[in-house]
Amino acid sequence: PPDAAPWLGQDSYLPIPIESIAWWIKGLADPSFPIEAVERDGPLTRRLEQRGWLVEVSRYRDFSGVQLPARMTLNHADSSLQLRLILRRWELTGK
């Protein structure tokens, strides 16, 4: 897996699962790993536990007719690492 956390100090190094985050930022579970828990509000994921991470989407926004996460936090269960993401713009392609 890619080294996504070179900015973390040597003592606090924790691999960040970039391949899973690519799914989580879309409000989806990574299909390559088991889901530990999920909480939905209709079709939208609000909380997801996977790979030792708690993913919480606090806000969705309409981006070109699609509801996508706009604010979320990712908390690692075994450390104090918390990532806060604010997604202001999405580019939707046909790929």
PDB file of N, CA and C in Angstrom:
ATOM      1  N   PRO A   1       0.825  -1.201   0.000  1.00  0.00           N
ATOM      2  CA  PRO A   1       0.000   0.000   0.000  1.00  0.00           C
ATOM      3  C   PRO A   1       0.860   1.252   0.000  1.00  0.00           C
ATOM      4  N   PRO A   2       0.358   2.313  -0.564  1.00  0.00           N
ATOM      5  CA  PRO A   2       1.142   3.546  -0.625  1.00  0.00           C
ATOM      6  C   PRO A   2       1.373   4.140   0.750  1.00  0.00           C
ATOM      7  N   ASP A   3       2.512   4.799   0.892  1.00  0.00           N
ATOM      8  CA  ASP A   3       2.833   5.484   2.144  1.00  0.00           C
ATOM      9  C   ASP A   3       2.158   6.843   2.104  1.00  0.00           C
ATOM     10  N   ALA A   4       1.037   6.970   2.795  1.00  0.00           N
ATOM     11  CA  ALA A   4       0.243   8.190   2.721  1.00  0.00           C
ATOM     12  C   ALA A   4       0.483   9.124   3.882  1.00  0.00           C
ATOM     13  N   ALA A   5       1.374   8.770   4.775  1.00  0.00           N
ATOM     14  CA  ALA A   5       1.538   9.594   5.965  1.00  0.00           C
ATOM     15  C   ALA A   5       2.986   9.965   6.238  1.00  0.00           C
ATOM     16  N   PRO A   6       3.748  10.420   5.241  1.00  0.00           N
ATOM     17  CA  PRO A   6       5.137  10.782   5.512  1.00  0.00           C
ATOM     18  C   PRO A   6       5.252  11.995   6.425  1.00  0.00           C
ATOM     19  N   TRP A   7       4.174  12.775   6.565  1.00  0.00           N
ATOM     20  CA  TRP A   7       4.169  13.974   7.393  1.00  0.00           C
ATOM     21  C   TRP A   7       3.970  13.662   8.860  1.00  0.00           C
ATOM     22  N   LEU A   8       3.629  12.418   9.204  1.00  0.00           N
ATOM     23  CA  LEU A   8       3.500  12.049  10.611  1.00  0.00           C
ATOM     24  C   LEU A   8       4.884  11.766  11.176  1.00  0.00           C
ATOM     25  N   GLY A   9       5.096  12.095  12.421  1.00  0.00           N
ATOM     26  CA  GLY A   9       6.376  11.821  13.059  1.00  0.00           C
ATOM     27  C   GLY A   9       6.645  10.339  13.151  1.00  0.00           C
ATOM     28  N   GLN A  10       7.907   9.974  13.245  1.00  0.00           N
ATOM     29  CA  GLN A  10       8.308   8.568  13.309  1.00  0.00           C
ATOM     30  C   GLN A  10       7.612   7.837  14.459  1.00  0.00           C
ATOM     31  N   ASP A  11       7.460   8.501  15.610  1.00  0.00           N
ATOM     32  CA  ASP A  11       6.850   7.862  16.776  1.00  0.00           C
ATOM     33  C   ASP A  11       5.355   7.643  16.608  1.00  0.00           C
ATOM     34  N   SER A  12       4.696   8.441  15.791  1.00  0.00           N
ATOM     35  CA  SER A  12       3.249   8.337  15.661  1.00  0.00           C
ATOM     36  C   SER A  12       2.829   7.779  14.305  1.00  0.00           C
ATOM     37  N   TYR A  13       3.759   7.134  13.610  1.00  0.00           N
ATOM     38  CA  TYR A  13       3.458   6.639  12.271  1.00  0.00           C
ATOM     39  C   TYR A  13       2.330   5.613  12.315  1.00  0.00           C
ATOM     40  N   LEU A  14       1.372   5.824  11.456  1.00  0.00           N
ATOM     41  CA  LEU A  14       0.249   4.909  11.306  1.00  0.00           C
ATOM     42  C   LEU A  14      -0.095   4.868   9.824  1.00  0.00           C
ATOM     43  N   PRO A  15      -0.068   3.699   9.216  1.00  0.00           N
ATOM     44  CA  PRO A  15      -0.424   3.643   7.800  1.00  0.00           C
ATOM     45  C   PRO A  15      -1.878   4.076   7.590  1.00  0.00           C
ATOM     46  N   ILE A  16      -2.095   4.942   6.640  1.00  0.00           N
ATOM     47  CA  ILE A  16      -3.442   5.406   6.326  1.00  0.00           C
ATOM     48  C   ILE A  16      -3.906   4.636   5.092  1.00  0.00           C
ATOM     49  N   PRO A  17      -5.054   3.967   5.177  1.00  0.00           N
ATOM     50  CA  PRO A  17      -5.507   3.101   4.074  1.00  0.00           C
ATOM     51  C   PRO A  17      -6.086   3.887   2.898  1.00  0.00           C
ATOM     52  N   ILE A  18      -5.213   4.438   2.077  1.00  0.00           N
ATOM     53  CA  ILE A  18      -5.632   5.275   0.953  1.00  0.00           C
ATOM     54  C   ILE A  18      -6.612   4.544   0.038  1.00  0.00           C
ATOM     55  N   GLU A  19      -6.362   3.250  -0.207  1.00  0.00           N
ATOM     56  CA  GLU A  19      -7.267   2.516  -1.102  1.00  0.00           C
ATOM     57  C   GLU A  19      -8.683   2.437  -0.527  1.00  0.00           C
ATOM     58  N   SER A  20      -8.827   2.373   0.793  1.00  0.00           N
ATOM     59  CA  SER A  20     -10.160   2.369   1.408  1.00  0.00           C
ATOM     60  C   SER A  20     -10.741   3.775   1.474  1.00  0.00           C
ATOM     61  N   ILE A  21      -9.902   4.762   1.736  1.00  0.00           N
ATOM     62  CA  ILE A  21     -10.387   6.149   1.798  1.00  0.00           C
ATOM     63  C   ILE A  21     -10.993   6.553   0.459  1.00  0.00           C
ATOM     64  N   ALA A  22     -10.471   6.026  -0.633  1.00  0.00           N
ATOM     65  CA  ALA A  22     -11.038   6.330  -1.952  1.00  0.00           C
ATOM     66  C   ALA A  22     -12.511   5.914  -2.022  1.00  0.00           C
ATOM     67  N   TRP A  23     -12.897   4.861  -1.306  1.00  0.00           N
ATOM     68  CA  TRP A  23     -14.303   4.439  -1.220  1.00  0.00           C
ATOM     69  C   TRP A  23     -15.048   5.263  -0.176  1.00  0.00           C
ATOM     70  N   TRP A  24     -14.415   5.438   0.982  1.00  0.00           N
ATOM     71  CA  TRP A  24     -15.096   6.099   2.099  1.00  0.00           C
ATOM     72  C   TRP A  24     -15.502   7.523   1.765  1.00  0.00           C
ATOM     73  N   ILE A  25     -14.672   8.259   1.022  1.00  0.00           N
ATOM     74  CA  ILE A  25     -15.038   9.648   0.716  1.00  0.00           C
ATOM     75  C   ILE A  25     -16.259   9.733  -0.192  1.00  0.00           C
ATOM     76  N   LYS A  26     -16.618   8.619  -0.809  1.00  0.00           N
ATOM     77  CA  LYS A  26     -17.839   8.568  -1.616  1.00  0.00           C
ATOM     78  C   LYS A  26     -19.039   8.113  -0.781  1.00  0.00           C
ATOM     79  N   GLY A  27     -18.790   7.830   0.502  1.00  0.00           N
ATOM     80  CA  GLY A  27     -19.866   7.344   1.361  1.00  0.00           C
ATOM     81  C   GLY A  27     -20.112   5.852   1.198  1.00  0.00           C
ATOM     82  N   LEU A  28     -19.108   5.126   0.713  1.00  0.00           N
ATOM     83  CA  LEU A  28     -19.231   3.693   0.450  1.00  0.00           C
ATOM     84  C   LEU A  28     -18.213   2.902   1.251  1.00  0.00           C
ATOM     85  N   ALA A  29     -18.551   1.661   1.553  1.00  0.00           N
ATOM     86  CA  ALA A  29     -17.599   0.755   2.184  1.00  0.00           C
ATOM     87  C   ALA A  29     -16.643   0.229   1.122  1.00  0.00           C
ATOM     88  N   ASP A  30     -15.419  -0.070   1.530  1.00  0.00           N
ATOM     89  CA  ASP A  30     -14.446  -0.688   0.637  1.00  0.00           C
ATOM     90  C   ASP A  30     -14.865  -2.148   0.446  1.00  0.00           C
ATOM     91  N   PRO A  31     -15.187  -2.564  -0.779  1.00  0.00           N
ATOM     92  CA  PRO A  31     -15.662  -3.934  -0.991  1.00  0.00           C
ATOM     93  C   PRO A  31     -14.594  -5.003  -0.765  1.00  0.00           C
ATOM     94  N   SER A  32     -13.339  -4.610  -0.610  1.00  0.00           N
ATOM     95  CA  SER A  32     -12.252  -5.566  -0.406  1.00  0.00           C
ATOM     96  C   SER A  32     -12.114  -6.021   1.044  1.00  0.00           C
ATOM     97  N   PHE A  33     -12.834  -5.370   1.969  1.00  0.00           N
ATOM     98  CA  PHE A  33     -12.690  -5.668   3.391  1.00  0.00           C
ATOM     99  C   PHE A  33     -14.054  -5.820   4.046  1.00  0.00           C
ATOM    100  N   PRO A  34     -14.129  -6.634   5.113  1.00  0.00           N
ATOM    101  CA  PRO A  34     -15.412  -6.788   5.810  1.00  0.00           C
ATOM    102  C   PRO A  34     -15.837  -5.491   6.504  1.00  0.00           C
ATOM    103  N   ILE A  35     -17.134  -5.297   6.580  1.00  0.00           N
ATOM    104  CA  ILE A  35     -17.707  -4.144   7.273  1.00  0.00           C
ATOM    105  C   ILE A  35     -17.966  -4.559   8.713  1.00  0.00           C
ATOM    106  N   GLU A  36     -17.467  -3.780   9.660  1.00  0.00           N
ATOM    107  CA  GLU A  36     -17.678  -4.078  11.076  1.00  0.00           C
ATOM    108  C   GLU A  36     -19.024  -3.554  11.548  1.00  0.00           C
ATOM    109  N   ALA A  37     -19.428  -2.393  11.053  1.00  0.00           N
ATOM    110  CA  ALA A  37     -20.733  -1.803  11.392  1.00  0.00           C
ATOM    111  C   ALA A  37     -21.048  -0.724  10.372  1.00  0.00           C
ATOM    112  N   VAL A  38     -22.336  -0.503  10.156  1.00  0.00           N
ATOM    113  CA  VAL A  38     -22.762   0.559   9.238  1.00  0.00           C
ATOM    114  C   VAL A  38     -24.092   1.119   9.736  1.00  0.00           C
ATOM    115  N   GLU A  39     -24.240   2.420   9.625  1.00  0.00           N
ATOM    116  CA  GLU A  39     -25.486   3.098   9.980  1.00  0.00           C
ATOM    117  C   GLU A  39     -25.870   3.974   8.790  1.00  0.00           C
ATOM    118  N   ARG A  40     -27.102   3.815   8.338  1.00  0.00           N
ATOM    119  CA  ARG A  40     -27.546   4.550   7.157  1.00  0.00           C
ATOM    120  C   ARG A  40     -28.738   5.437   7.486  1.00  0.00           C
ATOM    121  N   ASP A  41     -28.875   6.473   6.699  1.00  0.00           N
ATOM    122  CA  ASP A  41     -30.048   7.338   6.716  1.00  0.00           C
ATOM    123  C   ASP A  41     -30.636   7.213   5.317  1.00  0.00           C
ATOM    124  N   GLY A  42     -31.554   6.267   5.146  1.00  0.00           N
ATOM    125  CA  GLY A  42     -32.024   5.930   3.798  1.00  0.00           C
ATOM    126  C   GLY A  42     -30.861   5.337   3.020  1.00  0.00           C
ATOM    127  N   PRO A  43     -30.590   5.833   1.827  1.00  0.00           N
ATOM    128  CA  PRO A  43     -29.486   5.280   1.041  1.00  0.00           C
ATOM    129  C   PRO A  43     -28.113   5.846   1.424  1.00  0.00           C
ATOM    130  N   LEU A  44     -28.078   6.869   2.284  1.00  0.00           N
ATOM    131  CA  LEU A  44     -26.816   7.540   2.611  1.00  0.00           C
ATOM    132  C   LEU A  44     -26.164   6.936   3.847  1.00  0.00           C
ATOM    133  N   THR A  45     -24.892   6.651   3.740  1.00  0.00           N
ATOM    134  CA  THR A  45     -24.128   6.133   4.877  1.00  0.00           C
ATOM    135  C   THR A  45     -23.817   7.276   5.831  1.00  0.00           C
ATOM    136  N   ARG A  46     -24.131   7.102   7.116  1.00  0.00           N
ATOM    137  CA  ARG A  46     -23.803   8.100   8.139  1.00  0.00           C
ATOM    138  C   ARG A  46     -22.585   7.690   8.950  1.00  0.00           C
ATOM    139  N   ARG A  47     -22.503   6.403   9.301  1.00  0.00           N
ATOM    140  CA  ARG A  47     -21.373   5.858  10.074  1.00  0.00           C
ATOM    141  C   ARG A  47     -20.974   4.531   9.469  1.00  0.00           C
ATOM    142  N   LEU A  48     -19.678   4.317   9.447  1.00  0.00           N
ATOM    143  CA  LEU A  48     -19.146   3.085   8.889  1.00  0.00           C
ATOM    144  C   LEU A  48     -17.910   2.710   9.689  1.00  0.00           C
ATOM    145  N   GLU A  49     -17.846   1.464  10.106  1.00  0.00           N
ATOM    146  CA  GLU A  49     -16.640   0.969  10.773  1.00  0.00           C
ATOM    147  C   GLU A  49     -16.041  -0.111   9.892  1.00  0.00           C
ATOM    148  N   GLN A  50     -14.786   0.103   9.532  1.00  0.00           N
ATOM    149  CA  GLN A  50     -14.093  -0.821   8.646  1.00  0.00           C
ATOM    150  C   GLN A  50     -12.595  -0.655   8.831  1.00  0.00           C
ATOM    151  N   ARG A  51     -11.871  -1.775   8.874  1.00  0.00           N
ATOM    152  CA  ARG A  51     -10.409  -1.773   8.958  1.00  0.00           C
ATOM    153  C   ARG A  51      -9.883  -1.040  10.198  1.00  0.00           C
ATOM    154  N   GLY A  52     -10.680  -1.018  11.279  1.00  0.00           N
ATOM    155  CA  GLY A  52     -10.236  -0.342  12.499  1.00  0.00           C
ATOM    156  C   GLY A  52     -10.445   1.165  12.461  1.00  0.00           C
ATOM    157  N   TRP A  53     -11.202   1.658  11.494  1.00  0.00           N
ATOM    158  CA  TRP A  53     -11.493   3.074  11.356  1.00  0.00           C
ATOM    159  C   TRP A  53     -12.986   3.312  11.503  1.00  0.00           C
ATOM    160  N   LEU A  54     -13.343   4.414  12.138  1.00  0.00           N
ATOM    161  CA  LEU A  54     -14.725   4.865  12.212  1.00  0.00           C
ATOM    162  C   LEU A  54     -14.852   6.044  11.260  1.00  0.00           C
ATOM    163  N   VAL A  55     -15.711   5.892  10.275  1.00  0.00           N
ATOM    164  CA  VAL A  55     -15.951   6.927   9.280  1.00  0.00           C
ATOM    165  C   VAL A  55     -17.331   7.514   9.559  1.00  0.00           C
ATOM    166  N   GLU A  56     -17.393   8.818   9.804  1.00  0.00           N
ATOM    167  CA  GLU A  56     -18.661   9.484  10.076  1.00  0.00           C
ATOM    168  C   GLU A  56     -18.865  10.622   9.086  1.00  0.00           C
ATOM    169  N   VAL A  57     -19.968  10.539   8.345  1.00  0.00           N
ATOM    170  CA  VAL A  57     -20.314  11.598   7.391  1.00  0.00           C
ATOM    171  C   VAL A  57     -21.325  12.498   8.090  1.00  0.00           C
ATOM    172  N   SER A  58     -20.939  13.743   8.328  1.00  0.00           N
ATOM    173  CA  SER A  58     -21.828  14.662   9.038  1.00  0.00           C
ATOM    174  C   SER A  58     -22.666  15.507   8.091  1.00  0.00           C
ATOM    175  N   ARG A  59     -22.269  15.549   6.822  1.00  0.00           N
ATOM    176  CA  ARG A  59     -23.029  16.366   5.880  1.00  0.00           C
ATOM    177  C   ARG A  59     -22.876  15.848   4.456  1.00  0.00           C
ATOM    178  N   TYR A  60     -23.994  15.768   3.773  1.00  0.00           N
ATOM    179  CA  TYR A  60     -24.020  15.465   2.346  1.00  0.00           C
ATOM    180  C   TYR A  60     -24.469  16.720   1.609  1.00  0.00           C
ATOM    181  N   ARG A  61     -24.025  16.849   0.361  1.00  0.00           N
ATOM    182  CA  ARG A  61     -24.479  17.951  -0.503  1.00  0.00           C
ATOM    183  C   ARG A  61     -24.780  17.399  -1.886  1.00  0.00           C
ATOM    184  N   ASP A  62     -25.605  18.132  -2.582  1.00  0.00           N
ATOM    185  CA  ASP A  62     -25.927  17.779  -3.951  1.00  0.00           C
ATOM    186  C   ASP A  62     -24.823  18.299  -4.870  1.00  0.00           C
ATOM    187  N   PHE A  63     -24.181  17.391  -5.575  1.00  0.00           N
ATOM    188  CA  PHE A  63     -23.164  17.744  -6.561  1.00  0.00           C
ATOM    189  C   PHE A  63     -23.656  17.229  -7.908  1.00  0.00           C
ATOM    190  N   SER A  64     -24.109  18.133  -8.750  1.00  0.00           N
ATOM    191  CA  SER A  64     -24.597  17.771 -10.086  1.00  0.00           C
ATOM    192  C   SER A  64     -25.675  16.690 -10.032  1.00  0.00           C
ATOM    193  N   GLY A  65     -26.586  16.809  -9.076  1.00  0.00           N
ATOM    194  CA  GLY A  65     -27.700  15.864  -8.965  1.00  0.00           C
ATOM    195  C   GLY A  65     -27.391  14.593  -8.194  1.00  0.00           C
ATOM    196  N   VAL A  66     -26.191  14.493  -7.621  1.00  0.00           N
ATOM    197  CA  VAL A  66     -25.795  13.306  -6.859  1.00  0.00           C
ATOM    198  C   VAL A  66     -25.470  13.736  -5.439  1.00  0.00           C
ATOM    199  N   GLN A  67     -26.040  13.039  -4.444  1.00  0.00           N
ATOM    200  CA  GLN A  67     -25.734  13.321  -3.040  1.00  0.00           C
ATOM    201  C   GLN A  67     -24.390  12.683  -2.696  1.00  0.00           C
ATOM    202  N   LEU A  68     -23.411  13.523  -2.360  1.00  0.00           N
ATOM    203  CA  LEU A  68     -22.070  13.046  -2.010  1.00  0.00           C
ATOM    204  C   LEU A  68     -21.628  13.700  -0.706  1.00  0.00           C
ATOM    205  N   PRO A  69     -20.746  13.019   0.046  1.00  0.00           N
ATOM    206  CA  PRO A  69     -20.273  13.599   1.306  1.00  0.00           C
ATOM    207  C   PRO A  69     -19.630  14.968   1.103  1.00  0.00           C
ATOM    208  N   ALA A  70     -19.920  15.874   2.042  1.00  0.00           N
ATOM    209  CA  ALA A  70     -19.308  17.198   2.039  1.00  0.00           C
ATOM    210  C   ALA A  70     -18.432  17.388   3.272  1.00  0.00           C
ATOM    211  N   ARG A  71     -18.784  16.737   4.376  1.00  0.00           N
ATOM    212  CA  ARG A  71     -17.984  16.784   5.607  1.00  0.00           C
ATOM    213  C   ARG A  71     -17.950  15.397   6.236  1.00  0.00           C
ATOM    214  N   MET A  72     -16.762  15.007   6.659  1.00  0.00           N
ATOM    215  CA  MET A  72     -16.634  13.713   7.309  1.00  0.00           C
ATOM    216  C   MET A  72     -15.404  13.677   8.199  1.00  0.00           C
ATOM    217  N   THR A  73     -15.430  12.757   9.160  1.00  0.00           N
ATOM    218  CA  THR A  73     -14.259  12.516  10.004  1.00  0.00           C
ATOM    219  C   THR A  73     -13.928  11.029   9.954  1.00  0.00           C
ATOM    220  N   LEU A  74     -12.651  10.744  10.028  1.00  0.00           N
ATOM    221  CA  LEU A  74     -12.154   9.375  10.077  1.00  0.00           C
ATOM    222  C   LEU A  74     -11.327   9.262  11.341  1.00  0.00           C
ATOM    223  N   ASN A  75     -11.718   8.355  12.220  1.00  0.00           N
ATOM    224  CA  ASN A  75     -11.024   8.141  13.488  1.00  0.00           C
ATOM    225  C   ASN A  75     -10.472   6.735  13.530  1.00  0.00           C
ATOM    226  N   HIS A  76      -9.191   6.610  13.851  1.00  0.00           N
ATOM    227  CA  HIS A  76      -8.586   5.287  14.003  1.00  0.00           C
ATOM    228  C   HIS A  76      -8.852   4.781  15.415  1.00  0.00           C
ATOM    229  N   ALA A  77      -9.328   3.548  15.521  1.00  0.00           N
ATOM    230  CA  ALA A  77      -9.753   2.987  16.807  1.00  0.00           C
ATOM    231  C   ALA A  77      -8.608   2.833  17.810  1.00  0.00           C
ATOM    232  N   ASP A  78      -7.409   2.521  17.343  1.00  0.00           N
ATOM    233  CA  ASP A  78      -6.305   2.226  18.257  1.00  0.00           C
ATOM    234  C   ASP A  78      -5.329   3.382  18.439  1.00  0.00           C
ATOM    235  N   SER A  79      -5.688   4.562  17.984  1.00  0.00           N
ATOM    236  CA  SER A  79      -4.805   5.708  18.151  1.00  0.00           C
ATOM    237  C   SER A  79      -5.652   6.963  18.305  1.00  0.00           C
ATOM    238  N   SER A  80      -5.008   8.067  18.473  1.00  0.00           N
ATOM    239  CA  SER A  80      -5.733   9.332  18.579  1.00  0.00           C
ATOM    240  C   SER A  80      -5.797  10.049  17.231  1.00  0.00           C
ATOM    241  N   LEU A  81      -5.438   9.334  16.164  1.00  0.00           N
ATOM    242  CA  LEU A  81      -5.441   9.950  14.841  1.00  0.00           C
ATOM    243  C   LEU A  81      -6.865  10.203  14.369  1.00  0.00           C
ATOM    244  N   GLN A  82      -7.119  11.431  13.996  1.00  0.00           N
ATOM    245  CA  GLN A  82      -8.411  11.823  13.435  1.00  0.00           C
ATOM    246  C   GLN A  82      -8.151  12.648  12.182  1.00  0.00           C
ATOM    247  N   LEU A  83      -8.819  12.282  11.105  1.00  0.00           N
ATOM    248  CA  LEU A  83      -8.742  13.040   9.864  1.00  0.00           C
ATOM    249  C   LEU A  83     -10.095  13.703   9.648  1.00  0.00           C
ATOM    250  N   ARG A  84     -10.087  14.990   9.378  1.00  0.00           N
ATOM    251  CA  ARG A  84     -11.318  15.714   9.063  1.00  0.00           C
ATOM    252  C   ARG A  84     -11.254  16.127   7.608  1.00  0.00           C
ATOM    253  N   LEU A  85     -12.284  15.781   6.878  1.00  0.00           N
ATOM    254  CA  LEU A  85     -12.312  16.083   5.458  1.00  0.00           C
ATOM    255  C   LEU A  85     -13.484  16.996   5.144  1.00  0.00           C
ATOM    256  N   ILE A  86     -13.220  18.035   4.398  1.00  0.00           N
ATOM    257  CA  ILE A  86     -14.253  18.916   3.879  1.00  0.00           C
ATOM    258  C   ILE A  86     -14.125  18.852   2.362  1.00  0.00           C
ATOM    259  N   LEU A  87     -15.161  18.363   1.727  1.00  0.00           N
ATOM    260  CA  LEU A  87     -15.158  18.188   0.279  1.00  0.00           C
ATOM    261  C   LEU A  87     -16.017  19.290  -0.320  1.00  0.00           C
ATOM    262  N   ARG A  88     -15.378  20.243  -0.937  1.00  0.00           N
ATOM    263  CA  ARG A  88     -16.090  21.410  -1.462  1.00  0.00           C
ATOM    264  C   ARG A  88     -16.501  21.258  -2.914  1.00  0.00           C
ATOM    265  N   ARG A  89     -15.808  20.395  -3.619  1.00  0.00           N
ATOM    266  CA  ARG A  89     -16.107  20.254  -5.033  1.00  0.00           C
ATOM    267  C   ARG A  89     -15.847  18.814  -5.465  1.00  0.00           C
ATOM    268  N   TRP A  90     -16.731  18.295  -6.270  1.00  0.00           N
ATOM    269  CA  TRP A  90     -16.577  16.988  -6.873  1.00  0.00           C
ATOM    270  C   TRP A  90     -16.607  17.167  -8.390  1.00  0.00           C
ATOM    271  N   GLU A  91     -15.771  16.451  -9.082  1.00  0.00           N
ATOM    272  CA  GLU A  91     -15.841  16.402 -10.535  1.00  0.00           C
ATOM    273  C   GLU A  91     -16.327  15.021 -10.908  1.00  0.00           C
ATOM    274  N   LEU A  92     -17.524  14.973 -11.449  1.00  0.00           N
ATOM    275  CA  LEU A  92     -18.120  13.706 -11.829  1.00  0.00           C
ATOM    276  C   LEU A  92     -17.829  13.455 -13.290  1.00  0.00           C
ATOM    277  N   THR A  93     -17.274  12.272 -13.559  1.00  0.00           N
ATOM    278  CA  THR A  93     -16.958  11.900 -14.939  1.00  0.00           C
ATOM    279  C   THR A  93     -17.695  10.608 -15.273  1.00  0.00           C
ATOM    280  N   GLY A  94     -17.714  10.261 -16.501  1.00  0.00           N
ATOM    281  CA  GLY A  94     -18.382   9.039 -16.950  1.00  0.00           C
ATOM    282  C   GLY A  94     -17.542   7.802 -16.769  1.00  0.00           C
ATOM    283  N   LYS A  95     -16.392   7.904 -16.117  1.00  0.00           N
ATOM    284  CA  LYS A  95     -15.485   6.755 -15.955  1.00  0.00           C
ATOM    285  C   LYS A  95     -15.993   5.819 -14.903  1.00  0.00           C
TER     286      LYS A  95
END
